[in-house]
Every structure is written in structure tokens, then in C-alpha cells.
């Protein structure tokens, strides 16, 4: 067993699935911000206003996308936190 494996805990599957093709922390942060922006876009603003511009720009009119995106953002944030706390970016 190498020295790295003794000092660093094994990466959980939920973290591996979140960042399987991301090797730099900067790219993970970009992914998280893009997910947060898309989550905000998924707010069904069309249901709250009769503004024609908003109804043209924001096509989502139900809560299903938002209900999916919030847990995904939380998953990415918790995965980033695990990677930071365990110094796993150096291994990737």
C-alpha cells in the first residue's frame, strides 16, 4: 500500500460520480456556479407575472426542473467540500 493511500481516505462513490471527469478544483467550482445559475433559471417565473418578456425568456412553467436542480447543486457542493477537506484534488 502506498503512502498516499494511508493518509487519504478512499473517495466515496457519490464524490467520484460528481467529479469523475473533473480534475481541477477550478473546473468543479465553474460546474457548481453553472448549476446554480441554471437552478435560478428553472424558477417558474412565468407563473408569477404576466410580463411578455419574462414569458419569452423563461420557458419553464412548472416546478419539476427546480425540484431536480436543487439536490444536484447540493450534491456538487457537498462533493467539493469533501474533496477540499480530504486534499483529494492532488490525487486527481
PDB file of N, CA and C in Angstrom:
ATOM      1  N   UNK A   1       0.856  -1.188   0.000  1.00  0.00           N
ATOM      2  CA  UNK A   1       0.000   0.000   0.000  1.00  0.00           C
ATOM      3  C   UNK A   1       0.896   1.243   0.000  1.00  0.00           C
ATOM      4  N   UNK A   2       0.622   2.155  -0.855  1.00  0.00           N
ATOM      5  CA  UNK A   2       1.461   3.341  -0.962  1.00  0.00           C
ATOM      6  C   UNK A   2       1.188   4.312   0.175  1.00  0.00           C
ATOM      7  N   UNK A   3       2.077   5.266   0.320  1.00  0.00           N
ATOM      8  CA  UNK A   3       1.957   6.267   1.393  1.00  0.00           C
ATOM      9  C   UNK A   3       0.721   7.143   1.214  1.00  0.00           C
ATOM     10  N   UNK A   4       0.371   7.445  -0.042  1.00  0.00           N
ATOM     11  CA  UNK A   4      -0.807   8.283  -0.312  1.00  0.00           C
ATOM     12  C   UNK A   4      -2.080   7.622   0.171  1.00  0.00           C
ATOM     13  N   UNK A   5      -2.210   6.334  -0.051  1.00  0.00           N
ATOM     14  CA  UNK A   5      -3.419   5.622   0.336  1.00  0.00           C
ATOM     15  C   UNK A   5      -3.587   5.548   1.845  1.00  0.00           C
ATOM     16  N   UNK A   6      -2.497   5.598   2.587  1.00  0.00           N
ATOM     17  CA  UNK A   6      -2.579   5.545   4.039  1.00  0.00           C
ATOM     18  C   UNK A   6      -3.055   6.874   4.622  1.00  0.00           C
ATOM     19  N   UNK A   7      -2.705   7.975   4.006  1.00  0.00           N
ATOM     20  CA  UNK A   7      -3.032   9.282   4.576  1.00  0.00           C
ATOM     21  C   UNK A   7      -4.347   9.840   4.064  1.00  0.00           C
ATOM     22  N   UNK A   8      -4.791   9.421   2.894  1.00  0.00           N
ATOM     23  CA  UNK A   8      -6.002   9.968   2.304  1.00  0.00           C
ATOM     24  C   UNK A   8      -7.096   8.910   2.314  1.00  0.00           C
ATOM     25  N   UNK A   9      -8.280   9.279   2.850  1.00  0.00           N
ATOM     26  CA  UNK A   9      -9.372   8.289   2.828  1.00  0.00           C
ATOM     27  C   UNK A   9      -9.826   8.005   1.405  1.00  0.00           C
ATOM     28  N   UNK A  10     -10.371   6.816   1.222  1.00  0.00           N
ATOM     29  CA  UNK A  10     -10.860   6.431  -0.103  1.00  0.00           C
ATOM     30  C   UNK A  10     -12.037   7.315  -0.487  1.00  0.00           C
ATOM     31  N   UNK A  11     -12.044   7.733  -1.745  1.00  0.00           N
ATOM     32  CA  UNK A  11     -13.090   8.626  -2.226  1.00  0.00           C
ATOM     33  C   UNK A  11     -14.427   7.885  -2.274  1.00  0.00           C
ATOM     34  N   UNK A  12     -15.468   8.446  -1.655  1.00  0.00           N
ATOM     35  CA  UNK A  12     -16.791   7.811  -1.727  1.00  0.00           C
ATOM     36  C   UNK A  12     -17.342   7.837  -3.149  1.00  0.00           C
ATOM     37  N   UNK A  13     -18.227   6.914  -3.427  1.00  0.00           N
ATOM     38  CA  UNK A  13     -18.779   6.786  -4.779  1.00  0.00           C
ATOM     39  C   UNK A  13     -19.567   8.027  -5.178  1.00  0.00           C
ATOM     40  N   UNK A  14     -20.244   8.682  -4.219  1.00  0.00           N
ATOM     41  CA  UNK A  14     -21.040   9.863  -4.552  1.00  0.00           C
ATOM     42  C   UNK A  14     -20.148  11.024  -4.970  1.00  0.00           C
ATOM     43  N   UNK A  15     -18.942  11.100  -4.442  1.00  0.00           N
ATOM     44  CA  UNK A  15     -17.995  12.143  -4.858  1.00  0.00           C
ATOM     45  C   UNK A  15     -17.390  11.769  -6.207  1.00  0.00           C
ATOM     46  N   UNK A  16     -17.053  10.505  -6.363  1.00  0.00           N
ATOM     47  CA  UNK A  16     -16.493  10.049  -7.628  1.00  0.00           C
ATOM     48  C   UNK A  16     -17.467  10.286  -8.779  1.00  0.00           C
ATOM     49  N   UNK A  17     -18.745  10.027  -8.559  1.00  0.00           N
ATOM     50  CA  UNK A  17     -19.738  10.246  -9.609  1.00  0.00           C
ATOM     51  C   UNK A  17     -19.921  11.729  -9.920  1.00  0.00           C
ATOM     52  N   UNK A  18     -19.797  12.571  -8.922  1.00  0.00           N
ATOM     53  CA  UNK A  18     -19.966  14.006  -9.150  1.00  0.00           C
ATOM     54  C   UNK A  18     -18.822  14.588  -9.981  1.00  0.00           C
ATOM     55  N   UNK A  19     -17.605  14.192  -9.683  1.00  0.00           N
ATOM     56  CA  UNK A  19     -16.437  14.796 -10.328  1.00  0.00           C
ATOM     57  C   UNK A  19     -15.579  13.757 -11.047  1.00  0.00           C
ATOM     58  N   UNK A  20     -16.196  12.796 -11.693  1.00  0.00           N
ATOM     59  CA  UNK A  20     -15.426  11.720 -12.330  1.00  0.00           C
ATOM     60  C   UNK A  20     -14.550  12.222 -13.476  1.00  0.00           C
ATOM     61  N   UNK A  21     -14.982  13.242 -14.180  1.00  0.00           N
ATOM     62  CA  UNK A  21     -14.174  13.742 -15.296  1.00  0.00           C
ATOM     63  C   UNK A  21     -13.601  15.133 -15.017  1.00  0.00           C
ATOM     64  N   UNK A  22     -13.695  15.579 -13.786  1.00  0.00           N
ATOM     65  CA  UNK A  22     -13.167  16.891 -13.402  1.00  0.00           C
ATOM     66  C   UNK A  22     -11.949  16.675 -12.514  1.00  0.00           C
ATOM     67  N   UNK A  23     -10.827  17.253 -12.906  1.00  0.00           N
ATOM     68  CA  UNK A  23      -9.580  17.006 -12.192  1.00  0.00           C
ATOM     69  C   UNK A  23      -9.041  18.241 -11.479  1.00  0.00           C
ATOM     70  N   UNK A  24      -9.621  19.390 -11.721  1.00  0.00           N
ATOM     71  CA  UNK A  24      -9.143  20.614 -11.079  1.00  0.00           C
ATOM     72  C   UNK A  24     -10.273  21.250 -10.283  1.00  0.00           C
ATOM     73  N   UNK A  25      -9.902  21.830  -9.163  1.00  0.00           N
ATOM     74  CA  UNK A  25     -10.892  22.473  -8.308  1.00  0.00           C
ATOM     75  C   UNK A  25     -11.588  23.627  -9.029  1.00  0.00           C
ATOM     76  N   UNK A  26     -10.844  24.349  -9.827  1.00  0.00           N
ATOM     77  CA  UNK A  26     -11.395  25.484 -10.565  1.00  0.00           C
ATOM     78  C   UNK A  26     -12.542  25.034 -11.471  1.00  0.00           C
ATOM     79  N   UNK A  27     -12.377  23.905 -12.117  1.00  0.00           N
ATOM     80  CA  UNK A  27     -13.418  23.396 -13.009  1.00  0.00           C
ATOM     81  C   UNK A  27     -14.640  22.926 -12.226  1.00  0.00           C
ATOM     82  N   UNK A  28     -14.418  22.393 -11.039  1.00  0.00           N
ATOM     83  CA  UNK A  28     -15.544  21.986 -10.197  1.00  0.00           C
ATOM     84  C   UNK A  28     -16.339  23.205  -9.736  1.00  0.00           C
ATOM     85  N   UNK A  29     -15.646  24.271  -9.411  1.00  0.00           N
ATOM     86  CA  UNK A  29     -16.329  25.499  -8.995  1.00  0.00           C
ATOM     87  C   UNK A  29     -17.127  26.085 -10.157  1.00  0.00           C
ATOM     88  N   UNK A  30     -16.573  26.034 -11.352  1.00  0.00           N
ATOM     89  CA  UNK A  30     -17.303  26.509 -12.537  1.00  0.00           C
ATOM     90  C   UNK A  30     -18.564  25.678 -12.744  1.00  0.00           C
ATOM     91  N   UNK A  31     -18.447  24.373 -12.585  1.00  0.00           N
ATOM     92  CA  UNK A  31     -19.610  23.491 -12.708  1.00  0.00           C
ATOM     93  C   UNK A  31     -20.679  23.843 -11.681  1.00  0.00           C
ATOM     94  N   UNK A  32     -20.262  24.108 -10.460  1.00  0.00           N
ATOM     95  CA  UNK A  32     -21.222  24.450  -9.402  1.00  0.00           C
ATOM     96  C   UNK A  32     -21.919  25.771  -9.711  1.00  0.00           C
ATOM     97  N   UNK A  33     -21.175  26.772 -10.141  1.00  0.00           N
ATOM     98  CA  UNK A  33     -21.795  28.062 -10.468  1.00  0.00           C
ATOM     99  C   UNK A  33     -22.739  27.939 -11.662  1.00  0.00           C
ATOM    100  N   UNK A  34     -22.367  27.145 -12.651  1.00  0.00           N
ATOM    101  CA  UNK A  34     -23.260  26.930 -13.792  1.00  0.00           C
ATOM    102  C   UNK A  34     -24.537  26.224 -13.341  1.00  0.00           C
ATOM    103  N   UNK A  35     -24.408  25.282 -12.437  1.00  0.00           N
ATOM    104  CA  UNK A  35     -25.594  24.590 -11.913  1.00  0.00           C
ATOM    105  C   UNK A  35     -26.487  25.528 -11.112  1.00  0.00           C
ATOM    106  N   UNK A  36     -25.874  26.406 -10.346  1.00  0.00           N
ATOM    107  CA  UNK A  36     -26.659  27.377  -9.565  1.00  0.00           C
ATOM    108  C   UNK A  36     -27.394  28.337 -10.496  1.00  0.00           C
ATOM    109  N   UNK A  37     -26.717  28.803 -11.522  1.00  0.00           N
ATOM    110  CA  UNK A  37     -27.374  29.701 -12.481  1.00  0.00           C
ATOM    111  C   UNK A  37     -28.522  29.003 -13.202  1.00  0.00           C
ATOM    112  N   UNK A  38     -28.319  27.757 -13.596  1.00  0.00           N
ATOM    113  CA  UNK A  38     -29.392  27.024 -14.252  1.00  0.00           C
ATOM    114  C   UNK A  38     -30.544  26.764 -13.279  1.00  0.00           C
ATOM    115  N   UNK A  39     -30.227  26.546 -12.008  1.00  0.00           N
ATOM    116  CA  UNK A  39     -31.269  26.368 -10.995  1.00  0.00           C
ATOM    117  C   UNK A  39     -32.116  27.627 -10.873  1.00  0.00           C
ATOM    118  N   UNK A  40     -31.471  28.782 -10.887  1.00  0.00           N
ATOM    119  CA  UNK A  40     -32.226  30.031 -10.830  1.00  0.00           C
ATOM    120  C   UNK A  40     -33.074  30.220 -12.084  1.00  0.00           C
ATOM    121  N   UNK A  41     -32.548  29.785 -13.223  1.00  0.00           N
ATOM    122  CA  UNK A  41     -33.325  29.867 -14.456  1.00  0.00           C
ATOM    123  C   UNK A  41     -34.555  28.957 -14.391  1.00  0.00           C
ATOM    124  N   UNK A  42     -34.462  27.890 -13.625  1.00  0.00           N
ATOM    125  CA  UNK A  42     -35.560  26.919 -13.533  1.00  0.00           C
ATOM    126  C   UNK A  42     -36.713  27.395 -12.649  1.00  0.00           C
ATOM    127  N   UNK A  43     -36.555  28.537 -12.003  1.00  0.00           N
ATOM    128  CA  UNK A  43     -37.694  29.080 -11.251  1.00  0.00           C
ATOM    129  C   UNK A  43     -38.829  29.377 -12.233  1.00  0.00           C
ATOM    130  N   UNK A  44     -40.035  28.935 -11.943  1.00  0.00           N
ATOM    131  CA  UNK A  44     -41.144  29.165 -12.884  1.00  0.00           C
ATOM    132  C   UNK A  44     -41.692  30.590 -12.775  1.00  0.00           C
ATOM    133  N   UNK A  45     -40.902  31.540 -13.235  1.00  0.00           N
ATOM    134  CA  UNK A  45     -41.288  32.950 -13.140  1.00  0.00           C
ATOM    135  C   UNK A  45     -42.511  33.278 -13.984  1.00  0.00           C
ATOM    136  N   UNK A  46     -42.777  32.458 -14.974  1.00  0.00           N
ATOM    137  CA  UNK A  46     -43.930  32.676 -15.844  1.00  0.00           C
ATOM    138  C   UNK A  46     -45.233  32.609 -15.034  1.00  0.00           C
ATOM    139  N   UNK A  47     -45.242  31.790 -14.005  1.00  0.00           N
ATOM    140  CA  UNK A  47     -46.445  31.642 -13.179  1.00  0.00           C
ATOM    141  C   UNK A  47     -46.717  32.847 -12.289  1.00  0.00           C
ATOM    142  N   UNK A  48     -45.727  33.685 -12.067  1.00  0.00           N
ATOM    143  CA  UNK A  48     -45.859  34.792 -11.130  1.00  0.00           C
ATOM    144  C   UNK A  48     -46.059  36.144 -11.787  1.00  0.00           C
ATOM    145  N   UNK A  49     -45.901  36.220 -13.098  1.00  0.00           N
ATOM    146  CA  UNK A  49     -46.001  37.506 -13.774  1.00  0.00           C
ATOM    147  C   UNK A  49     -46.655  37.333 -15.145  1.00  0.00           C
ATOM    148  N   UNK A  50     -47.214  38.397 -15.637  1.00  0.00           N
ATOM    149  CA  UNK A  50     -47.808  38.397 -16.974  1.00  0.00           C
ATOM    150  C   UNK A  50     -46.949  39.152 -17.979  1.00  0.00           C
ATOM    151  N   UNK A  51     -45.715  39.428 -17.609  1.00  0.00           N
ATOM    152  CA  UNK A  51     -44.797  40.168 -18.457  1.00  0.00           C
ATOM    153  C   UNK A  51     -44.435  39.333 -19.683  1.00  0.00           C
ATOM    154  N   UNK A  52     -44.568  39.925 -20.854  1.00  0.00           N
ATOM    155  CA  UNK A  52     -44.313  39.222 -22.107  1.00  0.00           C
ATOM    156  C   UNK A  52     -42.832  38.881 -22.285  1.00  0.00           C
ATOM    157  N   UNK A  53     -41.954  39.751 -21.820  1.00  0.00           N
ATOM    158  CA  UNK A  53     -40.515  39.494 -21.950  1.00  0.00           C
ATOM    159  C   UNK A  53     -40.118  38.289 -21.101  1.00  0.00           C
ATOM    160  N   UNK A  54     -40.628  38.230 -19.877  1.00  0.00           N
ATOM    161  CA  UNK A  54     -40.310  37.098 -18.999  1.00  0.00           C
ATOM    162  C   UNK A  54     -40.871  35.802 -19.564  1.00  0.00           C
ATOM    163  N   UNK A  55     -42.069  35.849 -20.094  1.00  0.00           N
ATOM    164  CA  UNK A  55     -42.644  34.624 -20.661  1.00  0.00           C
ATOM    165  C   UNK A  55     -41.918  34.180 -21.921  1.00  0.00           C
ATOM    166  N   UNK A  56     -41.227  35.095 -22.596  1.00  0.00           N
ATOM    167  CA  UNK A  56     -40.438  34.733 -23.774  1.00  0.00           C
ATOM    168  C   UNK A  56     -39.075  34.156 -23.369  1.00  0.00           C
ATOM    169  N   UNK A  57     -38.442  34.744 -22.355  1.00  0.00           N
ATOM    170  CA  UNK A  57     -37.115  34.308 -21.933  1.00  0.00           C
ATOM    171  C   UNK A  57     -37.144  33.060 -21.052  1.00  0.00           C
ATOM    172  N   UNK A  58     -38.121  32.985 -20.157  1.00  0.00           N
ATOM    173  CA  UNK A  58     -38.210  31.876 -19.207  1.00  0.00           C
ATOM    174  C   UNK A  58     -39.340  30.956 -19.635  1.00  0.00           C
ATOM    175  N   UNK A  59     -38.988  29.854 -20.251  1.00  0.00           N
ATOM    176  CA  UNK A  59     -39.976  28.949 -20.824  1.00  0.00           C
ATOM    177  C   UNK A  59     -40.497  27.913 -19.835  1.00  0.00           C
ATOM    178  N   UNK A  60     -39.833  27.746 -18.720  1.00  0.00           N
ATOM    179  CA  UNK A  60     -40.212  26.726 -17.751  1.00  0.00           C
ATOM    180  C   UNK A  60     -41.408  27.225 -16.948  1.00  0.00           C
ATOM    181  N   UNK A  61     -42.469  26.414 -16.912  1.00  0.00           N
ATOM    182  CA  UNK A  61     -43.669  26.856 -16.206  1.00  0.00           C
ATOM    183  C   UNK A  61     -44.117  25.887 -15.115  1.00  0.00           C
ATOM    184  N   UNK A  62     -43.245  24.944 -14.735  1.00  0.00           N
ATOM    185  CA  UNK A  62     -43.574  24.069 -13.614  1.00  0.00           C
ATOM    186  C   UNK A  62     -42.368  23.937 -12.684  1.00  0.00           C
ATOM    187  N   UNK A  63     -42.558  23.256 -11.568  1.00  0.00           N
ATOM    188  CA  UNK A  63     -41.536  23.174 -10.527  1.00  0.00           C
ATOM    189  C   UNK A  63     -40.642  21.939 -10.676  1.00  0.00           C
ATOM    190  N   UNK A  64     -40.859  21.112 -11.671  1.00  0.00           N
ATOM    191  CA  UNK A  64     -40.136  19.848 -11.752  1.00  0.00           C
ATOM    192  C   UNK A  64     -38.626  20.034 -11.968  1.00  0.00           C
ATOM    193  N   UNK A  65     -38.235  20.971 -12.822  1.00  0.00           N
ATOM    194  CA  UNK A  65     -36.811  21.206 -13.047  1.00  0.00           C
ATOM    195  C   UNK A  65     -36.134  21.761 -11.804  1.00  0.00           C
ATOM    196  N   UNK A  66     -36.799  22.658 -11.118  1.00  0.00           N
ATOM    197  CA  UNK A  66     -36.232  23.216  -9.896  1.00  0.00           C
ATOM    198  C   UNK A  66     -36.081  22.135  -8.834  1.00  0.00           C
ATOM    199  N   UNK A  67     -37.074  21.268  -8.731  1.00  0.00           N
ATOM    200  CA  UNK A  67     -37.026  20.184  -7.747  1.00  0.00           C
ATOM    201  C   UNK A  67     -35.875  19.218  -8.027  1.00  0.00           C
ATOM    202  N   UNK A  68     -35.457  19.121  -9.262  1.00  0.00           N
ATOM    203  CA  UNK A  68     -34.330  18.272  -9.612  1.00  0.00           C
ATOM    204  C   UNK A  68     -33.001  19.003  -9.430  1.00  0.00           C
ATOM    205  N   UNK A  69     -32.950  20.285  -9.761  1.00  0.00           N
ATOM    206  CA  UNK A  69     -31.684  21.019  -9.756  1.00  0.00           C
ATOM    207  C   UNK A  69     -31.183  21.367  -8.356  1.00  0.00           C
ATOM    208  N   UNK A  70     -32.075  21.607  -7.421  1.00  0.00           N
ATOM    209  CA  UNK A  70     -31.640  21.954  -6.058  1.00  0.00           C
ATOM    210  C   UNK A  70     -30.840  20.812  -5.426  1.00  0.00           C
ATOM    211  N   UNK A  71     -31.325  19.554  -5.450  1.00  0.00           N
ATOM    212  CA  UNK A  71     -30.490  18.476  -4.896  1.00  0.00           C
ATOM    213  C   UNK A  71     -29.179  18.273  -5.646  1.00  0.00           C
ATOM    214  N   UNK A  72     -29.185  18.494  -6.955  1.00  0.00           N
ATOM    215  CA  UNK A  72     -27.946  18.347  -7.720  1.00  0.00           C
ATOM    216  C   UNK A  72     -26.914  19.386  -7.282  1.00  0.00           C
ATOM    217  N   UNK A  73     -27.353  20.624  -7.083  1.00  0.00           N
ATOM    218  CA  UNK A  73     -26.432  21.672  -6.608  1.00  0.00           C
ATOM    219  C   UNK A  73     -25.885  21.333  -5.226  1.00  0.00           C
ATOM    220  N   UNK A  74     -26.754  20.845  -4.357  1.00  0.00           N
ATOM    221  CA  UNK A  74     -26.307  20.461  -3.012  1.00  0.00           C
ATOM    222  C   UNK A  74     -25.296  19.318  -3.101  1.00  0.00           C
ATOM    223  N   UNK A  75     -25.553  18.352  -3.979  1.00  0.00           N
ATOM    224  CA  UNK A  75     -24.635  17.226  -4.171  1.00  0.00           C
ATOM    225  C   UNK A  75     -23.266  17.710  -4.637  1.00  0.00           C
ATOM    226  N   UNK A  76     -23.230  18.614  -5.606  1.00  0.00           N
ATOM    227  CA  UNK A  76     -21.953  19.143  -6.086  1.00  0.00           C
ATOM    228  C   UNK A  76     -21.222  19.925  -4.990  1.00  0.00           C
ATOM    229  N   UNK A  77     -21.946  20.714  -4.243  1.00  0.00           N
ATOM    230  CA  UNK A  77     -21.316  21.499  -3.174  1.00  0.00           C
ATOM    231  C   UNK A  77     -20.745  20.589  -2.095  1.00  0.00           C
ATOM    232  N   UNK A  78     -21.509  19.565  -1.694  1.00  0.00           N
ATOM    233  CA  UNK A  78     -21.003  18.627  -0.688  1.00  0.00           C
ATOM    234  C   UNK A  78     -19.817  17.822  -1.220  1.00  0.00           C
ATOM    235  N   UNK A  79     -19.834  17.493  -2.491  1.00  0.00           N
ATOM    236  CA  UNK A  79     -18.698  16.781  -3.087  1.00  0.00           C
ATOM    237  C   UNK A  79     -17.448  17.655  -3.109  1.00  0.00           C
ATOM    238  N   UNK A  80     -17.624  18.918  -3.450  1.00  0.00           N
ATOM    239  CA  UNK A  80     -16.494  19.850  -3.426  1.00  0.00           C
ATOM    240  C   UNK A  80     -15.947  19.992  -2.007  1.00  0.00           C
ATOM    241  N   UNK A  81     -16.843  20.061  -1.064  1.00  0.00           N
ATOM    242  CA  UNK A  81     -16.422  20.180   0.346  1.00  0.00           C
ATOM    243  C   UNK A  81     -15.637  18.943   0.780  1.00  0.00           C
ATOM    244  N   UNK A  82     -16.105  17.741   0.382  1.00  0.00           N
ATOM    245  CA  UNK A  82     -15.376  16.529   0.723  1.00  0.00           C
ATOM    246  C   UNK A  82     -13.995  16.542   0.085  1.00  0.00           C
ATOM    247  N   UNK A  83     -13.920  16.912  -1.179  1.00  0.00           N
ATOM    248  CA  UNK A  83     -12.637  16.951  -1.879  1.00  0.00           C
ATOM    249  C   UNK A  83     -11.668  17.931  -1.212  1.00  0.00           C
ATOM    250  N   UNK A  84     -12.181  19.095  -0.798  1.00  0.00           N
ATOM    251  CA  UNK A  84     -11.336  20.086  -0.136  1.00  0.00           C
ATOM    252  C   UNK A  84     -10.858  19.600   1.233  1.00  0.00           C
ATOM    253  N   UNK A  85     -11.754  19.018   2.001  1.00  0.00           N
ATOM    254  CA  UNK A  85     -11.401  18.569   3.348  1.00  0.00           C
ATOM    255  C   UNK A  85     -10.425  17.398   3.349  1.00  0.00           C
ATOM    256  N   UNK A  86     -10.394  16.620   2.281  1.00  0.00           N
ATOM    257  CA  UNK A  86      -9.537  15.447   2.222  1.00  0.00           C
ATOM    258  C   UNK A  86      -8.366  15.606   1.270  1.00  0.00           C
ATOM    259  N   UNK A  87      -8.107  16.808   0.820  1.00  0.00           N
ATOM    260  CA  UNK A  87      -6.999  17.097  -0.094  1.00  0.00           C
ATOM    261  C   UNK A  87      -6.966  16.131  -1.279  1.00  0.00           C
ATOM    262  N   UNK A  88      -8.134  15.897  -1.847  1.00  0.00           N
ATOM    263  CA  UNK A  88      -8.239  14.917  -2.935  1.00  0.00           C
ATOM    264  C   UNK A  88      -7.932  15.527  -4.290  1.00  0.00           C
ATOM    265  N   UNK A  89      -7.783  16.811  -4.384  1.00  0.00           N
ATOM    266  CA  UNK A  89      -7.504  17.420  -5.689  1.00  0.00           C
ATOM    267  C   UNK A  89      -6.110  17.075  -6.169  1.00  0.00           C
ATOM    268  N   UNK A  90      -5.199  16.827  -5.291  1.00  0.00           N
ATOM    269  CA  UNK A  90      -3.827  16.487  -5.694  1.00  0.00           C
ATOM    270  C   UNK A  90      -3.768  15.100  -6.318  1.00  0.00           C
ATOM    271  N   UNK A  91      -4.656  14.207  -5.894  1.00  0.00           N
ATOM    272  CA  UNK A  91      -4.641  12.842  -6.430  1.00  0.00           C
ATOM    273  C   UNK A  91      -5.232  12.776  -7.826  1.00  0.00           C
ATOM    274  N   UNK A  92      -6.216  13.629  -8.084  1.00  0.00           N
ATOM    275  CA  UNK A  92      -6.949  13.522  -9.349  1.00  0.00           C
ATOM    276  C   UNK A  92      -6.109  13.867 -10.544  1.00  0.00           C
TER     277      UNK A  92
END
